[in-house]
Amino acid sequence: MCFSDRTKRNRLMNRRTTSKFSKMKTDMTTPDKINLTEEKETLFIPLCGKAMDYRSKNSILNDHTANNIIEKIDIDLSKHNRVGGRISAVRAKQYDEWTNDFMAKNKNAVIVHLGCGLDARITRIHPPSSINWFDVDYPEVIDLRKNFYSETNEYKMISSSINAQNWLEKIPSCRPVLIIAEGVFEYLSKEEVATLLERLTSYFPHGQIAFDVMSSSSISSRKEKLKETTGAINKWAVDDINEVDQLNAKLKRIETVPLFKSVFTRKLPLYYRFIIGLLTLFPQYKNAMRLLRFDF
């Protein structure tokens, strides 16, 4: 398992009233065999980080779903249990806040989560039934995800590579859309990102898109470890944020959040905050990852 025994948080703490929209399966199925490779396998890194966060004294996400999944999966997750994994909770919290903000202003919105992995945003936020939510990922990932999540009229899972041509047709295009790509575009080439952004902004008339980019120094520092543990390769490095702005003329950047400067890092343990503080003293790591939100 991913963690040694720790004092468990009260499972009922800070839980919202569950809506009919979507919820975790109460009878989670244990997968017979999990065989994910390359970028598909990297989904376990943020999952472990969110479970670690749940077990901490000052949880950022209170993500009991991530913790439950970690306890249910019968594979060796030790290689994905990294000290830096806790920063995944900080990143996820920022996307949660942007999602809540968008839904508050667009009561009948469509939410599209690209490369969803096993992320539990749908259970953390509990959107109202006026929202339609689509989680998109490779068929192998969605097959695994269906052991833990149930579809409803308002919540659907789409089995597809986000670079494929036909998955967009399953999503209504006549309503405001928020597209989230959390920890995804780093595994695509710059050309693939540009092509995908063009398809998205052409299909949906208006909305927002939020994604993160990594600096070349950050990618270089983790390249060997990532390849050794999963076989995945980060392809797109961004040092100049203006490069992203120029990818698509329809996109207008409205917010930039350097991950290490996020207000949510304040809830991390002192040790983590100390390490982050040291890293931000070095220009090459100050903008190791930036979270971006665009209007279109």
C-alpha atoms as a PDB file:
ATOM      1  CA  MET A   1       0.000   0.000   0.000  1.00  0.00           C
ATOM      2  CA  CYS A   2       0.996   3.601  -0.355  1.00  0.00           C
ATOM      3  CA  PHE A   3       1.074   4.601   3.310  1.00  0.00           C
ATOM      4  CA  SER A   4       2.047   3.271   6.691  1.00  0.00           C
ATOM      5  CA  ASP A   5      -0.588   3.214   9.426  1.00  0.00           C
ATOM      6  CA  ARG A   6      -1.644   6.683  10.558  1.00  0.00           C
ATOM      7  CA  THR A   7      -4.360   8.109  12.712  1.00  0.00           C
ATOM      8  CA  LYS A   8      -7.406   8.288  10.443  1.00  0.00           C
ATOM      9  CA  ARG A   9      -9.407  11.445  10.100  1.00  0.00           C
ATOM     10  CA  ASN A  10     -13.042  11.311  11.094  1.00  0.00           C
ATOM     11  CA  ARG A  11     -14.714  10.276   7.829  1.00  0.00           C
ATOM     12  CA  LEU A  12     -17.693  12.489   8.513  1.00  0.00           C
ATOM     13  CA  MET A  13     -15.706  15.684   9.041  1.00  0.00           C
ATOM     14  CA  ASN A  14     -16.512  18.533   6.707  1.00  0.00           C
ATOM     15  CA  ARG A  15     -18.620  16.421   4.344  1.00  0.00           C
ATOM     16  CA  ARG A  16     -21.297  18.231   2.407  1.00  0.00           C
ATOM     17  CA  THR A  17     -24.766  16.919   1.890  1.00  0.00           C
ATOM     18  CA  THR A  18     -24.562  14.485  -0.993  1.00  0.00           C
ATOM     19  CA  SER A  19     -26.612  15.508  -3.999  1.00  0.00           C
ATOM     20  CA  LYS A  20     -28.170  13.164  -6.536  1.00  0.00           C
ATOM     21  CA  PHE A  21     -25.726  14.503  -9.114  1.00  0.00           C
ATOM     22  CA  SER A  22     -22.930  12.030  -8.599  1.00  0.00           C
ATOM     23  CA  LYS A  23     -21.306  10.200  -5.771  1.00  0.00           C
ATOM     24  CA  MET A  24     -18.760   7.584  -4.940  1.00  0.00           C
ATOM     25  CA  LYS A  25     -19.940   3.995  -5.194  1.00  0.00           C
ATOM     26  CA  THR A  26     -20.854   2.733  -1.753  1.00  0.00           C
ATOM     27  CA  ASP A  27     -19.942  -0.776  -2.919  1.00  0.00           C
ATOM     28  CA  MET A  28     -16.601  -0.044  -4.559  1.00  0.00           C
ATOM     29  CA  THR A  29     -15.307  -2.915  -6.641  1.00  0.00           C
ATOM     30  CA  THR A  30     -11.724  -4.034  -6.226  1.00  0.00           C
ATOM     31  CA  PRO A  31     -10.167  -4.281  -9.704  1.00  0.00           C
ATOM     32  CA  ASP A  32      -8.811  -7.743 -10.489  1.00  0.00           C
ATOM     33  CA  LYS A  33      -5.714  -6.385 -12.179  1.00  0.00           C
ATOM     34  CA  ILE A  34      -4.370  -2.908 -12.798  1.00  0.00           C
ATOM     35  CA  ASN A  35      -1.957  -2.548 -15.694  1.00  0.00           C
ATOM     36  CA  LEU A  36      -1.472   1.107 -16.510  1.00  0.00           C
ATOM     37  CA  THR A  37       1.714   2.402 -18.098  1.00  0.00           C
ATOM     38  CA  GLU A  38       3.358   5.676 -19.106  1.00  0.00           C
ATOM     39  CA  GLU A  39       1.227   8.809 -18.621  1.00  0.00           C
ATOM     40  CA  LYS A  40      -1.766   6.689 -17.623  1.00  0.00           C
ATOM     41  CA  GLU A  41       0.126   5.378 -14.605  1.00  0.00           C
ATOM     42  CA  THR A  42       1.000   8.881 -13.421  1.00  0.00           C
ATOM     43  CA  LEU A  43      -2.581   9.264 -12.146  1.00  0.00           C
ATOM     44  CA  PHE A  44      -1.435   7.474  -8.977  1.00  0.00           C
ATOM     45  CA  ILE A  45       0.970  10.324  -8.078  1.00  0.00           C
ATOM     46  CA  PRO A  46      -1.692  12.982  -7.365  1.00  0.00           C
ATOM     47  CA  LEU A  47      -4.026  10.307  -5.972  1.00  0.00           C
ATOM     48  CA  CYS A  48      -1.444   9.384  -3.329  1.00  0.00           C
ATOM     49  CA  GLY A  49      -0.816  13.070  -2.634  1.00  0.00           C
ATOM     50  CA  LYS A  50      -4.515  13.740  -2.037  1.00  0.00           C
ATOM     51  CA  ALA A  51      -4.801  10.725   0.245  1.00  0.00           C
ATOM     52  CA  MET A  52      -1.770  11.942   2.196  1.00  0.00           C
ATOM     53  CA  ASP A  53      -3.419  15.327   2.473  1.00  0.00           C
ATOM     54  CA  TYR A  54      -6.637  13.736   3.780  1.00  0.00           C
ATOM     55  CA  ARG A  55      -4.689  12.013   6.551  1.00  0.00           C
ATOM     56  CA  SER A  56      -2.924  15.204   7.625  1.00  0.00           C
ATOM     57  CA  LYS A  57      -3.997  17.387  10.544  1.00  0.00           C
ATOM     58  CA  ASN A  58      -4.782  20.389   8.354  1.00  0.00           C
ATOM     59  CA  SER A  59      -6.189  18.884   5.186  1.00  0.00           C
ATOM     60  CA  ILE A  60      -6.525  21.166   2.184  1.00  0.00           C
ATOM     61  CA  LEU A  61      -9.038  19.046   0.268  1.00  0.00           C
ATOM     62  CA  ASN A  62     -10.606  16.678   2.829  1.00  0.00           C
ATOM     63  CA  ASP A  63     -10.708  14.219  -0.053  1.00  0.00           C
ATOM     64  CA  HIS A  64     -12.051  11.075   1.610  1.00  0.00           C
ATOM     65  CA  THR A  65     -12.704   9.555  -1.827  1.00  0.00           C
ATOM     66  CA  ALA A  66      -9.003   9.601  -2.749  1.00  0.00           C
ATOM     67  CA  ASN A  67      -8.193   7.974   0.571  1.00  0.00           C
ATOM     68  CA  ASN A  68     -10.847   5.294   0.108  1.00  0.00           C
ATOM     69  CA  ILE A  69      -9.555   4.442  -3.363  1.00  0.00           C
ATOM     70  CA  ILE A  70      -5.971   4.183  -2.118  1.00  0.00           C
ATOM     71  CA  GLU A  71      -7.100   1.777   0.589  1.00  0.00           C
ATOM     72  CA  LYS A  72      -9.002  -0.281  -1.977  1.00  0.00           C
ATOM     73  CA  ILE A  73      -6.360  -0.603  -4.691  1.00  0.00           C
ATOM     74  CA  ASP A  74      -4.300  -3.745  -4.253  1.00  0.00           C
ATOM     75  CA  ILE A  75      -1.042  -2.740  -5.908  1.00  0.00           C
ATOM     76  CA  ASP A  76       2.292  -1.436  -4.717  1.00  0.00           C
ATOM     77  CA  LEU A  77       1.947   2.323  -4.786  1.00  0.00           C
ATOM     78  CA  SER A  78       5.188   3.083  -2.928  1.00  0.00           C
ATOM     79  CA  LYS A  79       6.918   4.424  -6.033  1.00  0.00           C
ATOM     80  CA  HIS A  80       4.166   7.033  -6.403  1.00  0.00           C
ATOM     81  CA  ASN A  81       4.190   8.112  -2.741  1.00  0.00           C
ATOM     82  CA  ARG A  82       6.466  11.131  -3.069  1.00  0.00           C
ATOM     83  CA  VAL A  83       7.231  13.970  -0.708  1.00  0.00           C
ATOM     84  CA  GLY A  84       6.221  16.363  -3.473  1.00  0.00           C
ATOM     85  CA  GLY A  85       2.906  14.608  -3.872  1.00  0.00           C
ATOM     86  CA  ARG A  86       1.292  16.796  -1.245  1.00  0.00           C
ATOM     87  CA  ILE A  87       1.547  19.751  -3.602  1.00  0.00           C
ATOM     88  CA  SER A  88      -1.049  17.933  -5.730  1.00  0.00           C
ATOM     89  CA  ALA A  89      -3.645  18.919  -3.133  1.00  0.00           C
ATOM     90  CA  VAL A  90      -2.680  22.581  -3.515  1.00  0.00           C
ATOM     91  CA  ARG A  91      -3.063  22.382  -7.275  1.00  0.00           C
ATOM     92  CA  ALA A  92      -6.382  20.540  -7.040  1.00  0.00           C
ATOM     93  CA  LYS A  93      -7.736  23.082  -4.569  1.00  0.00           C
ATOM     94  CA  GLN A  94      -7.076  25.925  -6.992  1.00  0.00           C
ATOM     95  CA  TYR A  95      -8.949  24.110  -9.757  1.00  0.00           C
ATOM     96  CA  ASP A  96     -11.783  23.384  -7.319  1.00  0.00           C
ATOM     97  CA  GLU A  97     -12.037  27.100  -6.542  1.00  0.00           C
ATOM     98  CA  TRP A  98     -12.109  28.017 -10.223  1.00  0.00           C
ATOM     99  CA  THR A  99     -14.765  25.392 -10.833  1.00  0.00           C
ATOM    100  CA  ASN A 100     -16.969  26.699  -8.026  1.00  0.00           C
ATOM    101  CA  ASP A 101     -16.508  30.251  -9.280  1.00  0.00           C
ATOM    102  CA  PHE A 102     -17.532  29.294 -12.817  1.00  0.00           C
ATOM    103  CA  MET A 103     -20.585  27.338 -11.681  1.00  0.00           C
ATOM    104  CA  ALA A 104     -21.731  30.214  -9.455  1.00  0.00           C
ATOM    105  CA  LYS A 105     -21.799  32.481 -12.514  1.00  0.00           C
ATOM    106  CA  ASN A 106     -23.139  29.871 -14.951  1.00  0.00           C
ATOM    107  CA  LYS A 107     -25.933  27.859 -13.365  1.00  0.00           C
ATOM    108  CA  ASN A 108     -26.420  25.593 -16.399  1.00  0.00           C
ATOM    109  CA  ALA A 109     -22.761  25.088 -17.278  1.00  0.00           C
ATOM    110  CA  VAL A 110     -21.001  22.095 -18.747  1.00  0.00           C
ATOM    111  CA  ILE A 111     -17.820  20.966 -16.969  1.00  0.00           C
ATOM    112  CA  VAL A 112     -15.274  18.939 -18.948  1.00  0.00           C
ATOM    113  CA  HIS A 113     -12.373  17.382 -17.051  1.00  0.00           C
ATOM    114  CA  LEU A 114      -9.653  16.236 -19.447  1.00  0.00           C
ATOM    115  CA  GLY A 115      -7.337  13.478 -18.266  1.00  0.00           C
ATOM    116  CA  CYS A 116      -9.436  13.000 -15.142  1.00  0.00           C
ATOM    117  CA  GLY A 117      -7.611   9.907 -13.881  1.00  0.00           C
ATOM    118  CA  LEU A 118      -9.148   8.892 -10.550  1.00  0.00           C
ATOM    119  CA  ASP A 119      -9.591  12.474  -9.363  1.00  0.00           C
ATOM    120  CA  ALA A 120     -12.601  13.029  -7.094  1.00  0.00           C
ATOM    121  CA  ARG A 121     -13.467  16.625  -7.966  1.00  0.00           C
ATOM    122  CA  ILE A 122     -17.016  15.530  -8.724  1.00  0.00           C
ATOM    123  CA  THR A 123     -17.409  14.282  -5.131  1.00  0.00           C
ATOM    124  CA  ARG A 124     -15.556  17.194  -3.550  1.00  0.00           C
ATOM    125  CA  ILE A 125     -17.740  19.823  -5.217  1.00  0.00           C
ATOM    126  CA  HIS A 126     -21.153  18.126  -5.515  1.00  0.00           C
ATOM    127  CA  PRO A 127     -22.480  20.330  -8.350  1.00  0.00           C
ATOM    128  CA  PRO A 128     -26.231  20.953  -8.611  1.00  0.00           C
ATOM    129  CA  SER A 129     -28.269  18.882 -11.045  1.00  0.00           C
ATOM    130  CA  SER A 130     -28.411  21.822 -13.474  1.00  0.00           C
ATOM    131  CA  ILE A 131     -24.737  21.164 -14.303  1.00  0.00           C
ATOM    132  CA  ASN A 132     -23.608  18.521 -16.781  1.00  0.00           C
ATOM    133  CA  TRP A 133     -20.202  17.024 -16.028  1.00  0.00           C
ATOM    134  CA  PHE A 134     -17.971  14.940 -18.297  1.00  0.00           C
ATOM    135  CA  ASP A 135     -14.776  13.195 -17.196  1.00  0.00           C
ATOM    136  CA  VAL A 136     -12.543  12.198 -20.123  1.00  0.00           C
ATOM    137  CA  ASP A 137      -9.578   9.824 -20.150  1.00  0.00           C
ATOM    138  CA  TYR A 138      -8.056   6.841 -21.913  1.00  0.00           C
ATOM    139  CA  PRO A 139     -10.304   3.749 -22.092  1.00  0.00           C
ATOM    140  CA  GLU A 140      -8.029   1.833 -19.682  1.00  0.00           C
ATOM    141  CA  VAL A 141      -8.295   4.641 -17.129  1.00  0.00           C
ATOM    142  CA  ILE A 142     -12.065   4.989 -17.445  1.00  0.00           C
ATOM    143  CA  ASP A 143     -12.451   1.221 -17.071  1.00  0.00           C
ATOM    144  CA  LEU A 144     -10.587   1.508 -13.764  1.00  0.00           C
ATOM    145  CA  ARG A 145     -12.495   4.627 -12.749  1.00  0.00           C
ATOM    146  CA  LYS A 146     -15.830   2.860 -13.155  1.00  0.00           C
ATOM    147  CA  ASN A 147     -14.915   0.628 -10.222  1.00  0.00           C
ATOM    148  CA  PHE A 148     -15.208   3.684  -7.985  1.00  0.00           C
ATOM    149  CA  TYR A 149     -17.639   6.113  -9.625  1.00  0.00           C
ATOM    150  CA  SER A 150     -21.185   5.757 -10.948  1.00  0.00           C
ATOM    151  CA  GLU A 151     -22.623   7.627 -13.907  1.00  0.00           C
ATOM    152  CA  THR A 152     -25.899   9.532 -13.584  1.00  0.00           C
ATOM    153  CA  ASN A 153     -28.041  11.559 -15.980  1.00  0.00           C
ATOM    154  CA  GLU A 154     -25.812  14.550 -15.280  1.00  0.00           C
ATOM    155  CA  TYR A 155     -22.434  12.862 -14.885  1.00  0.00           C
ATOM    156  CA  LYS A 156     -20.788  10.870 -17.684  1.00  0.00           C
ATOM    157  CA  MET A 157     -17.381   9.304 -18.244  1.00  0.00           C
ATOM    158  CA  ILE A 158     -15.949   9.339 -21.772  1.00  0.00           C
ATOM    159  CA  SER A 159     -13.384   6.696 -22.785  1.00  0.00           C
ATOM    160  CA  SER A 160     -11.033   8.356 -25.232  1.00  0.00           C
ATOM    161  CA  SER A 161      -7.654   9.888 -25.768  1.00  0.00           C
ATOM    162  CA  ILE A 162      -8.156  13.654 -25.701  1.00  0.00           C
ATOM    163  CA  ASN A 163      -6.264  13.771 -29.012  1.00  0.00           C
ATOM    164  CA  ALA A 164      -8.905  11.599 -30.695  1.00  0.00           C
ATOM    165  CA  GLN A 165     -11.398  13.204 -33.062  1.00  0.00           C
ATOM    166  CA  ASN A 166     -14.855  12.038 -32.008  1.00  0.00           C
ATOM    167  CA  TRP A 167     -15.227  12.341 -28.224  1.00  0.00           C
ATOM    168  CA  LEU A 168     -16.299  16.002 -28.320  1.00  0.00           C
ATOM    169  CA  GLU A 169     -19.488  15.050 -30.140  1.00  0.00           C
ATOM    170  CA  LYS A 170     -20.774  13.424 -26.929  1.00  0.00           C
ATOM    171  CA  ILE A 171     -20.835  16.789 -25.120  1.00  0.00           C
ATOM    172  CA  PRO A 172     -23.445  19.539 -25.621  1.00  0.00           C
ATOM    173  CA  SER A 173     -21.909  22.627 -27.195  1.00  0.00           C
ATOM    174  CA  CYS A 174     -24.716  25.137 -26.659  1.00  0.00           C
ATOM    175  CA  ARG A 175     -23.958  26.031 -23.030  1.00  0.00           C
ATOM    176  CA  PRO A 176     -21.108  27.774 -21.170  1.00  0.00           C
ATOM    177  CA  VAL A 177     -18.242  25.347 -20.635  1.00  0.00           C
ATOM    178  CA  LEU A 178     -15.373  25.087 -18.191  1.00  0.00           C
ATOM    179  CA  ILE A 179     -12.585  22.807 -19.411  1.00  0.00           C
ATOM    180  CA  ILE A 180     -10.059  21.590 -16.858  1.00  0.00           C
ATOM    181  CA  ALA A 181      -6.771  19.928 -17.820  1.00  0.00           C
ATOM    182  CA  GLU A 182      -4.997  19.274 -14.528  1.00  0.00           C
ATOM    183  CA  GLY A 183      -1.503  17.836 -14.939  1.00  0.00           C
ATOM    184  CA  VAL A 184      -2.240  16.860 -18.537  1.00  0.00           C
ATOM    185  CA  PHE A 185      -0.740  19.189 -21.131  1.00  0.00           C
ATOM    186  CA  GLU A 186       2.799  18.502 -19.895  1.00  0.00           C
ATOM    187  CA  TYR A 187       2.498  15.075 -21.538  1.00  0.00           C
ATOM    188  CA  LEU A 188       1.536  16.521 -24.914  1.00  0.00           C
ATOM    189  CA  SER A 189       3.733  18.270 -27.442  1.00  0.00           C
ATOM    190  CA  LYS A 190       3.281  21.979 -28.060  1.00  0.00           C
ATOM    191  CA  GLU A 191       1.737  21.171 -31.438  1.00  0.00           C
ATOM    192  CA  GLU A 192      -0.725  18.716 -29.876  1.00  0.00           C
ATOM    193  CA  VAL A 193      -1.775  21.316 -27.305  1.00  0.00           C
ATOM    194  CA  ALA A 194      -2.312  23.930 -30.003  1.00  0.00           C
ATOM    195  CA  THR A 195      -4.406  21.513 -32.086  1.00  0.00           C
ATOM    196  CA  LEU A 196      -6.519  20.527 -29.086  1.00  0.00           C
ATOM    197  CA  LEU A 197      -7.105  24.138 -28.048  1.00  0.00           C
ATOM    198  CA  GLU A 198      -8.266  24.947 -31.576  1.00  0.00           C
ATOM    199  CA  ARG A 199     -10.707  22.044 -31.553  1.00  0.00           C
ATOM    200  CA  LEU A 200     -12.082  23.020 -28.134  1.00  0.00           C
ATOM    201  CA  THR A 201     -12.523  26.714 -28.888  1.00  0.00           C
ATOM    202  CA  SER A 202     -14.127  25.900 -32.234  1.00  0.00           C
ATOM    203  CA  TYR A 203     -16.578  23.386 -30.776  1.00  0.00           C
ATOM    204  CA  PHE A 204     -17.673  25.410 -27.752  1.00  0.00           C
ATOM    205  CA  PRO A 205     -18.910  28.975 -28.466  1.00  0.00           C
ATOM    206  CA  HIS A 206     -17.739  30.419 -25.137  1.00  0.00           C
ATOM    207  CA  GLY A 207     -16.382  29.467 -21.741  1.00  0.00           C
ATOM    208  CA  GLN A 208     -13.133  29.071 -19.853  1.00  0.00           C
ATOM    209  CA  ILE A 209     -10.229  26.653 -19.887  1.00  0.00           C
ATOM    210  CA  ALA A 210      -7.801  26.037 -17.035  1.00  0.00           C
ATOM    211  CA  PHE A 211      -4.543  24.098 -17.263  1.00  0.00           C
ATOM    212  CA  ASP A 212      -1.008  24.066 -15.899  1.00  0.00           C
ATOM    213  CA  VAL A 213       2.397  24.346 -17.521  1.00  0.00           C
ATOM    214  CA  MET A 214       5.815  23.301 -16.264  1.00  0.00           C
ATOM    215  CA  SER A 215       9.160  25.023 -16.725  1.00  0.00           C
ATOM    216  CA  SER A 216      12.050  23.333 -18.499  1.00  0.00           C
ATOM    217  CA  SER A 217      14.008  23.185 -15.214  1.00  0.00           C
ATOM    218  CA  SER A 218      11.139  21.461 -13.451  1.00  0.00           C
ATOM    219  CA  ILE A 219      10.726  18.926 -16.238  1.00  0.00           C
ATOM    220  CA  SER A 220      14.455  18.266 -16.380  1.00  0.00           C
ATOM    221  CA  SER A 221      14.683  17.700 -12.622  1.00  0.00           C
ATOM    222  CA  ARG A 222      12.054  14.947 -12.636  1.00  0.00           C
ATOM    223  CA  LYS A 223      12.591  13.455 -16.083  1.00  0.00           C
ATOM    224  CA  GLU A 224      14.692  10.441 -15.096  1.00  0.00           C
ATOM    225  CA  LYS A 225      12.617   9.529 -12.042  1.00  0.00           C
ATOM    226  CA  LEU A 226       9.361   9.828 -13.968  1.00  0.00           C
ATOM    227  CA  LYS A 227      10.661   7.668 -16.816  1.00  0.00           C
ATOM    228  CA  GLU A 228      12.030   5.077 -14.391  1.00  0.00           C
ATOM    229  CA  THR A 229       8.819   4.706 -12.385  1.00  0.00           C
ATOM    230  CA  THR A 230       6.166   5.030 -15.106  1.00  0.00           C
ATOM    231  CA  GLY A 231       7.838   5.335 -18.495  1.00  0.00           C
ATOM    232  CA  ALA A 232       6.048   8.663 -19.022  1.00  0.00           C
ATOM    233  CA  ILE A 233       7.757  11.625 -20.671  1.00  0.00           C
ATOM    234  CA  ASN A 234       6.963  15.318 -20.218  1.00  0.00           C
ATOM    235  CA  LYS A 235       7.030  16.857 -23.695  1.00  0.00           C
ATOM    236  CA  TRP A 236       5.952  20.494 -23.335  1.00  0.00           C
ATOM    237  CA  ALA A 237       8.080  22.873 -21.288  1.00  0.00           C
ATOM    238  CA  VAL A 238       7.081  26.539 -20.884  1.00  0.00           C
ATOM    239  CA  ASP A 239       9.484  29.179 -19.579  1.00  0.00           C
ATOM    240  CA  ASP A 240       7.905  32.182 -21.283  1.00  0.00           C
ATOM    241  CA  ILE A 241       4.197  32.393 -20.503  1.00  0.00           C
ATOM    242  CA  ASN A 242       3.644  34.565 -23.593  1.00  0.00           C
ATOM    243  CA  GLU A 243       4.290  31.413 -25.633  1.00  0.00           C
ATOM    244  CA  VAL A 244       1.040  29.994 -24.248  1.00  0.00           C
ATOM    245  CA  ASP A 245      -0.912  33.176 -24.985  1.00  0.00           C
ATOM    246  CA  GLN A 246       0.090  32.937 -28.639  1.00  0.00           C
ATOM    247  CA  LEU A 247      -1.151  29.368 -29.132  1.00  0.00           C
ATOM    248  CA  ASN A 248      -4.742  30.404 -29.769  1.00  0.00           C
ATOM    249  CA  ALA A 249      -6.045  33.864 -30.649  1.00  0.00           C
ATOM    250  CA  LYS A 250      -9.435  33.121 -29.074  1.00  0.00           C
ATOM    251  CA  LEU A 251      -7.958  32.646 -25.613  1.00  0.00           C
ATOM    252  CA  LYS A 252      -7.545  35.567 -23.217  1.00  0.00           C
ATOM    253  CA  ARG A 253      -5.582  34.818 -20.058  1.00  0.00           C
ATOM    254  CA  ILE A 254      -7.408  36.085 -16.967  1.00  0.00           C
ATOM    255  CA  GLU A 255      -5.385  34.522 -14.163  1.00  0.00           C
ATOM    256  CA  THR A 256      -1.936  33.073 -13.518  1.00  0.00           C
ATOM    257  CA  VAL A 257      -1.089  31.271 -10.261  1.00  0.00           C
ATOM    258  CA  PRO A 258       2.488  30.053  -9.685  1.00  0.00           C
ATOM    259  CA  LEU A 259       1.886  26.833  -7.763  1.00  0.00           C
ATOM    260  CA  PHE A 260       4.506  27.537  -5.107  1.00  0.00           C
ATOM    261  CA  LYS A 261       2.911  30.946  -4.482  1.00  0.00           C
ATOM    262  CA  SER A 262      -0.627  29.640  -4.083  1.00  0.00           C
ATOM    263  CA  VAL A 263      -2.441  30.805  -0.965  1.00  0.00           C
ATOM    264  CA  PHE A 264      -3.301  27.159  -0.275  1.00  0.00           C
ATOM    265  CA  THR A 265       0.352  26.286   0.433  1.00  0.00           C
ATOM    266  CA  ARG A 266      -0.187  27.931   3.835  1.00  0.00           C
ATOM    267  CA  LYS A 267      -1.990  24.813   5.001  1.00  0.00           C
ATOM    268  CA  LEU A 268       0.929  22.540   4.192  1.00  0.00           C
ATOM    269  CA  PRO A 269       3.089  21.319   7.092  1.00  0.00           C
ATOM    270  CA  LEU A 270       6.017  23.541   8.067  1.00  0.00           C
ATOM    271  CA  TYR A 271       8.542  21.183   6.461  1.00  0.00           C
ATOM    272  CA  TYR A 272       6.857  21.475   3.059  1.00  0.00           C
ATOM    273  CA  ARG A 273       6.550  25.249   3.339  1.00  0.00           C
ATOM    274  CA  PHE A 274      10.231  25.486   4.218  1.00  0.00           C
ATOM    275  CA  ILE A 275      11.262  23.445   1.163  1.00  0.00           C
ATOM    276  CA  ILE A 276       8.958  25.471  -1.097  1.00  0.00           C
ATOM    277  CA  GLY A 277      10.356  28.704   0.318  1.00  0.00           C
ATOM    278  CA  LEU A 278      13.888  27.582  -0.495  1.00  0.00           C
ATOM    279  CA  LEU A 279      12.953  26.560  -4.023  1.00  0.00           C
ATOM    280  CA  THR A 280      11.347  29.909  -4.785  1.00  0.00           C
ATOM    281  CA  LEU A 281      14.676  31.615  -4.049  1.00  0.00           C
ATOM    282  CA  PHE A 282      16.041  30.073  -7.249  1.00  0.00           C
ATOM    283  CA  PRO A 283      14.762  31.625 -10.507  1.00  0.00           C
ATOM    284  CA  GLN A 284      14.730  28.271 -12.302  1.00  0.00           C
ATOM    285  CA  TYR A 285      12.287  26.806  -9.760  1.00  0.00           C
ATOM    286  CA  LYS A 286      10.240  29.875  -8.860  1.00  0.00           C
ATOM    287  CA  ASN A 287       7.858  29.177 -11.724  1.00  0.00           C
ATOM    288  CA  ALA A 288       8.264  25.411 -11.764  1.00  0.00           C
ATOM    289  CA  MET A 289       4.527  25.053 -12.402  1.00  0.00           C
ATOM    290  CA  ARG A 290       1.977  27.731 -13.217  1.00  0.00           C
ATOM    291  CA  LEU A 291      -1.780  27.336 -13.253  1.00  0.00           C
ATOM    292  CA  LEU A 292      -3.491  29.333 -15.996  1.00  0.00           C
ATOM    293  CA  ARG A 293      -7.117  30.293 -16.584  1.00  0.00           C
ATOM    294  CA  PHE A 294      -8.381  31.634 -19.897  1.00  0.00           C
ATOM    295  CA  ASP A 295     -11.632  33.058 -21.221  1.00  0.00           C
ATOM    296  CA  PHE A 296     -12.725  32.366 -24.783  1.00  0.00           C
END
